[in-house]
Protein backbone atom coordinates (compact mmCIF):
# COMPACT_ATOMS: atom_id res chain seq x y z
CA UNK A 1 -37.00 -93.41 -4.36
CA UNK A 2 -37.15 -93.94 -0.59
CA UNK A 3 -33.33 -93.66 -0.32
CA UNK A 4 -33.31 -90.38 -2.26
CA UNK A 5 -36.02 -88.97 0.01
CA UNK A 6 -34.15 -89.94 3.19
CA UNK A 7 -30.86 -88.58 1.81
CA UNK A 8 -32.52 -85.29 0.82
CA UNK A 9 -34.17 -84.98 4.22
CA UNK A 10 -30.84 -85.64 5.96
CA UNK A 11 -29.02 -82.99 3.91
CA UNK A 12 -31.82 -80.50 4.59
CA UNK A 13 -31.69 -81.14 8.35
CA UNK A 14 -27.90 -80.83 8.41
CA UNK A 15 -28.14 -77.53 6.56
CA UNK A 16 -30.65 -76.21 9.07
CA UNK A 17 -28.50 -77.27 11.99
CA UNK A 18 -25.38 -75.69 10.50
CA UNK A 19 -26.95 -72.24 10.55
CA UNK A 20 -24.54 -70.23 12.70
CA UNK A 21 -25.87 -68.62 15.81
CA UNK A 22 -24.46 -65.35 16.97
CA UNK A 23 -24.00 -66.23 20.64
CA UNK A 24 -20.96 -64.71 22.31
CA UNK A 25 -18.73 -66.62 24.66
CA UNK A 26 -19.04 -63.79 27.22
CA UNK A 27 -21.13 -60.62 27.56
CA UNK A 28 -21.01 -57.98 30.29
CA UNK A 29 -23.23 -54.96 30.75
CA UNK A 30 -26.22 -53.31 32.39
CA UNK A 31 -29.79 -54.51 32.77
CA UNK A 32 -32.24 -51.75 33.68
CA UNK A 33 -35.72 -52.78 34.62
CA UNK A 34 -38.69 -52.48 36.82
CA UNK A 35 -41.57 -54.41 38.21
CA UNK A 36 -41.29 -54.64 41.95
CA UNK A 37 -39.19 -51.47 41.95
CA UNK A 38 -36.88 -49.83 39.42
CA UNK A 39 -33.14 -50.28 39.32
CA UNK A 40 -29.96 -51.22 37.49
CA UNK A 41 -28.25 -54.60 37.51
CA UNK A 42 -24.76 -55.62 36.45
CA UNK A 43 -25.34 -58.51 34.07
CA UNK A 44 -22.93 -61.21 32.88
CA UNK A 45 -23.56 -64.01 30.38
CA UNK A 46 -21.33 -67.04 29.84
CA UNK A 47 -21.77 -69.52 26.98
CA UNK A 48 -21.96 -73.10 28.28
CA UNK A 49 -22.86 -75.13 25.17
CA UNK A 50 -23.80 -74.36 21.54
CA UNK A 51 -27.15 -72.81 22.45
CA UNK A 52 -27.12 -72.65 26.28
CA UNK A 53 -25.68 -70.03 28.57
CA UNK A 54 -25.60 -68.87 32.17
CA UNK A 55 -26.71 -65.36 33.09
CA UNK A 56 -25.85 -63.82 36.45
CA UNK A 57 -27.29 -60.45 37.50
CA UNK A 58 -26.45 -58.39 40.60
CA UNK A 59 -28.56 -55.34 41.15
CA UNK A 60 -30.47 -52.81 43.17
CA UNK A 61 -34.23 -52.35 43.27
CA UNK A 62 -36.12 -49.54 44.94
CA UNK A 63 -39.40 -47.72 45.02
CA UNK A 64 -41.17 -45.52 47.56
CA UNK A 65 -41.69 -48.52 49.90
CA UNK A 66 -38.38 -50.44 49.88
CA UNK A 67 -34.74 -50.77 48.83
CA UNK A 68 -33.43 -54.18 47.82
CA UNK A 69 -30.23 -55.84 46.64
CA UNK A 70 -30.53 -59.14 44.77
CA UNK A 71 -28.43 -61.72 42.97
CA UNK A 72 -30.11 -63.84 40.26
CA UNK A 73 -28.71 -66.77 38.26
CA UNK A 74 -30.46 -68.14 35.15
CA UNK A 75 -29.82 -71.06 32.83
CA UNK A 76 -30.92 -69.99 29.33
CA UNK A 77 -31.68 -71.68 26.02
CA UNK A 78 -31.01 -69.49 22.97
CA UNK A 79 -32.59 -69.87 19.50
CA UNK A 80 -31.70 -68.01 16.33
CA UNK A 81 -34.53 -66.01 14.77
CA UNK A 82 -33.27 -64.09 11.75
CA UNK A 83 -30.17 -62.12 10.92
CA UNK A 84 -28.66 -60.93 14.19
CA UNK A 85 -31.79 -61.61 16.26
CA UNK A 86 -32.03 -64.39 18.86
CA UNK A 87 -34.72 -65.24 21.35
CA UNK A 88 -34.16 -66.99 24.64
CA UNK A 89 -35.91 -68.54 27.61
CA UNK A 90 -34.54 -69.61 30.95
CA UNK A 91 -35.09 -70.69 34.54
CA UNK A 92 -33.22 -69.98 37.73
CA UNK A 93 -33.40 -68.33 41.08
CA UNK A 94 -32.03 -65.68 43.32
CA UNK A 95 -31.38 -64.36 46.78
CA UNK A 96 -31.64 -60.85 48.12
CA UNK A 97 -31.96 -58.48 51.03
CA UNK A 98 -34.68 -55.90 51.48
CA UNK A 99 -35.04 -52.81 53.64
CA UNK A 100 -38.73 -51.91 53.90
CA UNK A 101 -39.82 -48.41 54.87
CA UNK A 102 -43.36 -49.55 55.79
CA UNK A 103 -42.33 -51.01 59.16
CA UNK A 104 -45.36 -49.42 60.89
CA UNK A 105 -47.45 -52.03 59.10
CA UNK A 106 -46.69 -55.39 60.78
CA UNK A 107 -46.96 -57.21 57.45
CA UNK A 108 -43.73 -55.59 56.22
CA UNK A 109 -40.24 -55.97 57.60
CA UNK A 110 -36.58 -56.06 56.60
CA UNK A 111 -35.03 -59.37 55.73
CA UNK A 112 -33.55 -61.86 53.31
CA UNK A 113 -35.59 -63.49 50.55
CA UNK A 114 -35.12 -66.37 48.11
CA UNK A 115 -36.99 -66.63 44.82
CA UNK A 116 -37.34 -68.67 41.65
CA UNK A 117 -37.40 -66.94 38.29
CA UNK A 118 -38.25 -67.56 34.67
CA UNK A 119 -36.99 -65.51 31.75
CA UNK A 120 -38.05 -64.92 28.15
CA UNK A 121 -36.64 -62.31 25.81
CA UNK A 122 -35.28 -61.19 22.48
CA UNK A 123 -31.80 -59.88 21.70
CA UNK A 124 -30.05 -58.19 18.82
CA UNK A 125 -26.31 -58.64 18.32
CA UNK A 126 -24.80 -55.74 16.36
CA UNK A 127 -21.91 -56.26 13.94
CA UNK A 128 -19.75 -54.52 16.54
CA UNK A 129 -19.38 -56.33 19.91
CA UNK A 130 -22.61 -54.88 21.32
CA UNK A 131 -25.84 -56.62 22.32
CA UNK A 132 -29.23 -55.08 23.05
CA UNK A 133 -31.92 -57.20 24.74
CA UNK A 134 -35.48 -56.86 26.02
CA UNK A 135 -36.84 -59.47 28.43
CA UNK A 136 -39.57 -60.42 30.89
CA UNK A 137 -38.60 -62.15 34.14
CA UNK A 138 -41.37 -63.25 36.49
CA UNK A 139 -40.11 -63.97 40.00
CA UNK A 140 -41.87 -65.87 42.78
CA UNK A 141 -40.60 -65.63 46.37
CA UNK A 142 -40.12 -68.96 48.17
CA UNK A 143 -38.58 -67.82 51.44
CA UNK A 144 -39.84 -64.72 53.28
CA UNK A 145 -42.54 -63.99 50.74
CA UNK A 146 -44.09 -61.72 53.39
CA UNK A 147 -40.92 -59.57 53.17
CA UNK A 148 -40.60 -59.60 49.37
CA UNK A 149 -43.83 -59.81 47.36
CA UNK A 150 -44.67 -63.39 46.47
CA UNK A 151 -44.90 -62.57 42.73
CA UNK A 152 -43.02 -59.89 40.84
CA UNK A 153 -43.09 -59.30 37.09
CA UNK A 154 -39.84 -57.73 35.88
CA UNK A 155 -39.44 -56.12 32.44
CA UNK A 156 -35.95 -54.92 31.50
CA UNK A 157 -33.74 -53.53 28.77
CA UNK A 158 -30.11 -54.73 28.68
CA UNK A 159 -27.04 -53.50 26.89
CA UNK A 160 -23.94 -55.69 26.94
CA UNK A 161 -20.41 -55.73 25.56
CA UNK A 162 -19.72 -59.08 23.88
CA UNK A 163 -16.28 -60.69 24.06
């Protein structure tokens, strides 16, 4: 009886692990979001392992107080939800340059900043090579946090071509 139970459990676990995930080898598109300013980013994803990928985003951010350019890299874990839906979480960091228009106030200045970032989101992969994603990326400045706010929540919508 014990052998049958262990064999059944093993077959069940193998069946669960064999569930195919719909993660593309590459995806390229736009990420449009806001938080500490609104702006577009060019986004690229590269599959590293079965359920891990690298995401690199290069974008602009601006609001009435500043203009910024930043580059962010994230290592992500991806889990299948249902159908064509996946959810993901990741960690990483970035670097950027900011031009602040509030220079009269001595607390604000132009400069370079470095931050760490987390990421959590959900994506839908259409039957055509198109992906739509919604995510939340909190960022915390490590270097020059007086130039770039020390904490910035970033919500974004992404559309990518999968190949």
